[in-house]
């Protein structure tokens, strides 16, 4: 299992929060690939009690994964694991599904 803790947003969302979230996603992908893992599930990192806005977090996660997969072929499947119906809608919109 790969575990990451994303940034906690207290107050206004900043570029630093966004960069940290992207780094969390990217590092999970890197660790998975380095260890021969071919598929990975990413949850809604930093949302919920960590208060990262759902839509912005999803956009960062999807963009980070797409960018990573352009240059790496070790990961064959990425699943965005969601808990809430609103998150499912957000990811479906972002992924065109």
N, C-alpha and C. Protein backbone atom coordinates (compact mmCIF):
# COMPACT_ATOMS: atom_id res chain seq x y z
N UNK A 1 0.84 -1.17 0.00
CA UNK A 1 0.00 0.00 0.00
C UNK A 1 0.89 1.24 0.00
N UNK A 2 0.49 2.20 -0.77
CA UNK A 2 1.15 3.50 -0.79
C UNK A 2 0.22 4.48 -0.10
N UNK A 3 0.75 5.21 0.86
CA UNK A 3 -0.08 6.16 1.61
C UNK A 3 0.50 7.56 1.45
N UNK A 4 -0.36 8.52 1.24
CA UNK A 4 0.08 9.90 1.18
C UNK A 4 -0.88 10.76 1.98
N UNK A 5 -0.35 11.82 2.53
CA UNK A 5 -1.17 12.81 3.23
C UNK A 5 -1.02 14.11 2.47
N UNK A 6 -2.13 14.62 1.99
CA UNK A 6 -2.10 15.85 1.23
C UNK A 6 -2.16 17.07 2.12
N UNK A 7 -2.08 18.23 1.49
CA UNK A 7 -2.10 19.48 2.25
C UNK A 7 -3.45 19.75 2.89
N UNK A 8 -3.40 20.39 4.04
CA UNK A 8 -4.60 20.83 4.74
C UNK A 8 -4.80 22.31 4.40
N UNK A 9 -5.98 22.62 3.90
CA UNK A 9 -6.28 24.00 3.52
C UNK A 9 -7.00 24.68 4.68
N UNK A 10 -6.34 25.64 5.26
CA UNK A 10 -6.96 26.44 6.32
C UNK A 10 -7.01 27.87 5.81
N UNK A 11 -8.19 28.29 5.45
CA UNK A 11 -8.32 29.62 4.87
C UNK A 11 -8.34 29.53 3.35
N UNK A 12 -7.62 30.42 2.72
CA UNK A 12 -7.61 30.53 1.27
C UNK A 12 -6.71 29.47 0.63
N UNK A 13 -7.22 28.87 -0.44
CA UNK A 13 -6.42 27.93 -1.23
C UNK A 13 -5.29 28.70 -1.90
N UNK A 14 -4.06 28.18 -1.82
CA UNK A 14 -2.91 28.86 -2.40
C UNK A 14 -2.24 27.98 -3.45
N UNK A 15 -1.35 28.59 -4.20
CA UNK A 15 -0.55 27.86 -5.20
C UNK A 15 0.27 26.79 -4.50
N UNK A 16 0.75 27.07 -3.33
CA UNK A 16 1.53 26.09 -2.56
C UNK A 16 0.69 24.86 -2.25
N UNK A 17 -0.56 25.03 -1.84
CA UNK A 17 -1.45 23.89 -1.62
C UNK A 17 -1.58 23.06 -2.89
N UNK A 18 -1.79 23.76 -4.01
CA UNK A 18 -1.96 23.07 -5.29
C UNK A 18 -0.71 22.30 -5.69
N UNK A 19 0.45 22.93 -5.50
CA UNK A 19 1.72 22.25 -5.82
C UNK A 19 1.94 21.03 -4.94
N UNK A 20 1.61 21.15 -3.66
CA UNK A 20 1.76 20.01 -2.75
C UNK A 20 0.84 18.86 -3.13
N UNK A 21 -0.39 19.17 -3.51
CA UNK A 21 -1.31 18.12 -3.92
C UNK A 21 -0.82 17.42 -5.18
N UNK A 22 -0.37 18.18 -6.15
CA UNK A 22 0.17 17.58 -7.38
C UNK A 22 1.37 16.70 -7.05
N UNK A 23 2.21 17.14 -6.14
CA UNK A 23 3.37 16.36 -5.73
C UNK A 23 2.95 15.05 -5.08
N UNK A 24 1.92 15.07 -4.25
CA UNK A 24 1.42 13.85 -3.62
C UNK A 24 1.00 12.83 -4.67
N UNK A 25 0.25 13.30 -5.65
CA UNK A 25 -0.22 12.41 -6.72
C UNK A 25 0.96 11.85 -7.53
N UNK A 26 1.87 12.73 -7.91
CA UNK A 26 3.02 12.34 -8.72
C UNK A 26 3.90 11.33 -7.98
N UNK A 27 4.15 11.59 -6.70
CA UNK A 27 5.00 10.68 -5.92
C UNK A 27 4.36 9.30 -5.75
N UNK A 28 3.05 9.25 -5.60
CA UNK A 28 2.37 7.95 -5.54
C UNK A 28 2.59 7.18 -6.84
N UNK A 29 2.47 7.86 -7.95
CA UNK A 29 2.69 7.22 -9.25
C UNK A 29 4.14 6.76 -9.40
N UNK A 30 5.08 7.60 -8.99
CA UNK A 30 6.49 7.24 -9.08
C UNK A 30 6.82 6.03 -8.22
N UNK A 31 6.34 6.02 -6.98
CA UNK A 31 6.60 4.90 -6.08
C UNK A 31 5.99 3.62 -6.62
N UNK A 32 4.78 3.73 -7.14
CA UNK A 32 4.12 2.56 -7.72
C UNK A 32 4.95 2.00 -8.87
N UNK A 33 5.35 2.87 -9.77
CA UNK A 33 6.10 2.43 -10.95
C UNK A 33 7.46 1.84 -10.55
N UNK A 34 8.14 2.48 -9.61
CA UNK A 34 9.44 1.98 -9.15
C UNK A 34 9.34 0.58 -8.56
N UNK A 35 8.17 0.25 -8.03
CA UNK A 35 7.97 -1.05 -7.39
C UNK A 35 7.21 -2.05 -8.27
N UNK A 36 7.11 -1.74 -9.54
CA UNK A 36 6.49 -2.66 -10.48
C UNK A 36 4.98 -2.75 -10.39
N UNK A 37 4.35 -1.80 -9.73
CA UNK A 37 2.90 -1.80 -9.63
C UNK A 37 2.35 -1.27 -10.95
N UNK A 38 1.43 -2.01 -11.55
CA UNK A 38 0.91 -1.65 -12.87
C UNK A 38 -0.42 -0.90 -12.80
N UNK A 39 -1.11 -0.96 -11.66
CA UNK A 39 -2.35 -0.21 -11.50
C UNK A 39 -2.38 0.40 -10.10
N UNK A 40 -3.05 1.54 -10.01
CA UNK A 40 -3.11 2.26 -8.75
C UNK A 40 -4.46 2.96 -8.63
N UNK A 41 -4.96 3.05 -7.42
CA UNK A 41 -6.17 3.81 -7.14
C UNK A 41 -5.79 5.02 -6.29
N UNK A 42 -6.28 6.17 -6.71
CA UNK A 42 -6.06 7.41 -5.96
C UNK A 42 -7.39 7.88 -5.41
N UNK A 43 -7.43 8.16 -4.13
CA UNK A 43 -8.65 8.68 -3.52
C UNK A 43 -8.68 10.20 -3.71
N UNK A 44 -9.68 10.83 -3.21
CA UNK A 44 -9.82 12.29 -3.30
C UNK A 44 -8.90 12.93 -2.25
N UNK A 45 -7.63 12.98 -2.56
CA UNK A 45 -6.61 13.43 -1.62
C UNK A 45 -6.88 14.88 -1.20
N UNK A 46 -6.85 15.11 0.10
CA UNK A 46 -6.95 16.43 0.73
C UNK A 46 -8.35 17.04 0.73
N UNK A 47 -9.33 16.35 0.19
CA UNK A 47 -10.68 16.89 0.25
C UNK A 47 -11.31 16.49 1.58
N UNK A 48 -12.55 16.78 1.75
CA UNK A 48 -13.21 16.42 3.02
C UNK A 48 -12.68 17.26 4.16
N UNK A 49 -12.26 16.61 5.24
CA UNK A 49 -11.82 17.33 6.44
C UNK A 49 -10.55 18.15 6.21
N UNK A 50 -9.79 17.83 5.15
CA UNK A 50 -8.60 18.63 4.84
C UNK A 50 -8.96 19.89 4.06
N UNK A 51 -10.20 20.00 3.66
CA UNK A 51 -10.82 21.20 3.10
C UNK A 51 -10.26 21.70 1.77
N UNK A 52 -9.61 20.85 1.00
CA UNK A 52 -9.22 21.23 -0.35
C UNK A 52 -10.49 21.21 -1.19
N UNK A 53 -10.78 22.25 -1.96
CA UNK A 53 -11.99 22.27 -2.77
C UNK A 53 -12.06 21.06 -3.73
N UNK A 54 -13.19 20.38 -3.72
CA UNK A 54 -13.33 19.13 -4.48
C UNK A 54 -12.98 19.27 -5.96
N UNK A 55 -13.55 20.27 -6.62
CA UNK A 55 -13.33 20.41 -8.06
C UNK A 55 -11.87 20.71 -8.38
N UNK A 56 -11.27 21.58 -7.62
CA UNK A 56 -9.86 21.94 -7.88
C UNK A 56 -8.96 20.74 -7.61
N UNK A 57 -9.22 20.01 -6.55
CA UNK A 57 -8.42 18.82 -6.23
C UNK A 57 -8.52 17.78 -7.33
N UNK A 58 -9.73 17.56 -7.83
CA UNK A 58 -9.93 16.59 -8.90
C UNK A 58 -9.19 17.02 -10.17
N UNK A 59 -9.29 18.29 -10.50
CA UNK A 59 -8.61 18.79 -11.70
C UNK A 59 -7.10 18.61 -11.59
N UNK A 60 -6.55 18.92 -10.44
CA UNK A 60 -5.11 18.75 -10.23
C UNK A 60 -4.73 17.28 -10.33
N UNK A 61 -5.51 16.40 -9.72
CA UNK A 61 -5.21 14.96 -9.76
C UNK A 61 -5.25 14.45 -11.20
N UNK A 62 -6.29 14.78 -11.94
CA UNK A 62 -6.41 14.30 -13.32
C UNK A 62 -5.28 14.86 -14.18
N UNK A 63 -5.00 16.14 -14.07
CA UNK A 63 -3.91 16.74 -14.86
C UNK A 63 -2.57 16.11 -14.52
N UNK A 64 -2.32 15.89 -13.24
CA UNK A 64 -1.05 15.31 -12.82
C UNK A 64 -0.89 13.89 -13.36
N UNK A 65 -1.94 13.10 -13.27
CA UNK A 65 -1.89 11.73 -13.78
C UNK A 65 -1.69 11.74 -15.30
N UNK A 66 -2.43 12.54 -16.01
CA UNK A 66 -2.28 12.60 -17.47
C UNK A 66 -0.86 13.01 -17.86
N UNK A 67 -0.33 14.03 -17.20
CA UNK A 67 1.03 14.48 -17.49
C UNK A 67 2.05 13.38 -17.20
N UNK A 68 1.86 12.69 -16.09
CA UNK A 68 2.79 11.62 -15.72
C UNK A 68 2.76 10.49 -16.75
N UNK A 69 1.58 10.10 -17.16
CA UNK A 69 1.44 8.96 -18.07
C UNK A 69 1.97 9.27 -19.47
N UNK A 70 2.07 10.55 -19.84
CA UNK A 70 2.64 10.92 -21.14
C UNK A 70 4.09 10.45 -21.26
N UNK A 71 4.83 10.49 -20.15
CA UNK A 71 6.26 10.20 -20.17
C UNK A 71 6.64 8.88 -19.52
N UNK A 72 5.66 8.13 -19.02
CA UNK A 72 5.94 6.87 -18.32
C UNK A 72 4.96 5.81 -18.79
N UNK A 73 5.46 4.61 -18.99
CA UNK A 73 4.57 3.55 -19.44
C UNK A 73 4.46 2.39 -18.45
N UNK A 74 4.98 2.57 -17.25
CA UNK A 74 4.93 1.52 -16.24
C UNK A 74 3.57 1.33 -15.60
N UNK A 75 2.81 2.39 -15.56
CA UNK A 75 1.47 2.32 -14.98
C UNK A 75 0.47 2.10 -16.11
N UNK A 76 -0.30 1.03 -16.01
CA UNK A 76 -1.28 0.72 -17.04
C UNK A 76 -2.68 1.22 -16.71
N UNK A 77 -3.00 1.33 -15.43
CA UNK A 77 -4.36 1.70 -15.04
C UNK A 77 -4.34 2.57 -13.80
N UNK A 78 -5.09 3.67 -13.86
CA UNK A 78 -5.27 4.54 -12.71
C UNK A 78 -6.77 4.65 -12.45
N UNK A 79 -7.16 4.37 -11.24
CA UNK A 79 -8.56 4.48 -10.82
C UNK A 79 -8.67 5.66 -9.86
N UNK A 80 -9.62 6.54 -10.13
CA UNK A 80 -9.90 7.62 -9.19
C UNK A 80 -11.04 7.14 -8.30
N UNK A 81 -10.70 6.84 -7.06
CA UNK A 81 -11.65 6.29 -6.10
C UNK A 81 -12.38 7.43 -5.41
N UNK A 82 -13.69 7.48 -5.57
CA UNK A 82 -14.47 8.56 -4.98
C UNK A 82 -15.44 8.01 -3.94
N UNK A 83 -15.85 8.88 -3.03
CA UNK A 83 -16.76 8.50 -1.95
C UNK A 83 -18.12 9.15 -2.09
N UNK A 84 -18.14 10.34 -2.64
CA UNK A 84 -19.39 11.11 -2.72
C UNK A 84 -19.88 11.18 -4.17
N UNK A 85 -21.18 11.27 -4.32
CA UNK A 85 -21.77 11.39 -5.66
C UNK A 85 -21.25 12.62 -6.40
N UNK A 86 -21.07 13.72 -5.68
CA UNK A 86 -20.57 14.94 -6.33
C UNK A 86 -19.17 14.72 -6.89
N UNK A 87 -18.34 13.96 -6.18
CA UNK A 87 -16.99 13.67 -6.70
C UNK A 87 -17.07 12.81 -7.95
N UNK A 88 -17.99 11.87 -7.97
CA UNK A 88 -18.17 11.03 -9.16
C UNK A 88 -18.53 11.91 -10.36
N UNK A 89 -19.43 12.85 -10.15
CA UNK A 89 -19.81 13.77 -11.23
C UNK A 89 -18.62 14.60 -11.70
N UNK A 90 -17.86 15.10 -10.76
CA UNK A 90 -16.69 15.93 -11.10
C UNK A 90 -15.70 15.14 -11.95
N UNK A 91 -15.36 13.94 -11.50
CA UNK A 91 -14.38 13.14 -12.24
C UNK A 91 -14.93 12.70 -13.60
N UNK A 92 -16.21 12.37 -13.67
CA UNK A 92 -16.79 12.01 -14.96
C UNK A 92 -16.69 13.17 -15.93
N UNK A 93 -16.98 14.37 -15.46
CA UNK A 93 -16.86 15.56 -16.33
C UNK A 93 -15.42 15.77 -16.80
N UNK A 94 -14.48 15.64 -15.86
CA UNK A 94 -13.07 15.87 -16.20
C UNK A 94 -12.54 14.81 -17.15
N UNK A 95 -13.03 13.59 -17.01
CA UNK A 95 -12.53 12.48 -17.83
C UNK A 95 -13.38 12.24 -19.06
N UNK A 96 -14.44 13.01 -19.22
CA UNK A 96 -15.30 12.86 -20.38
C UNK A 96 -16.05 11.56 -20.42
N UNK A 97 -16.51 11.10 -19.26
CA UNK A 97 -17.22 9.82 -19.18
C UNK A 97 -18.66 10.01 -18.80
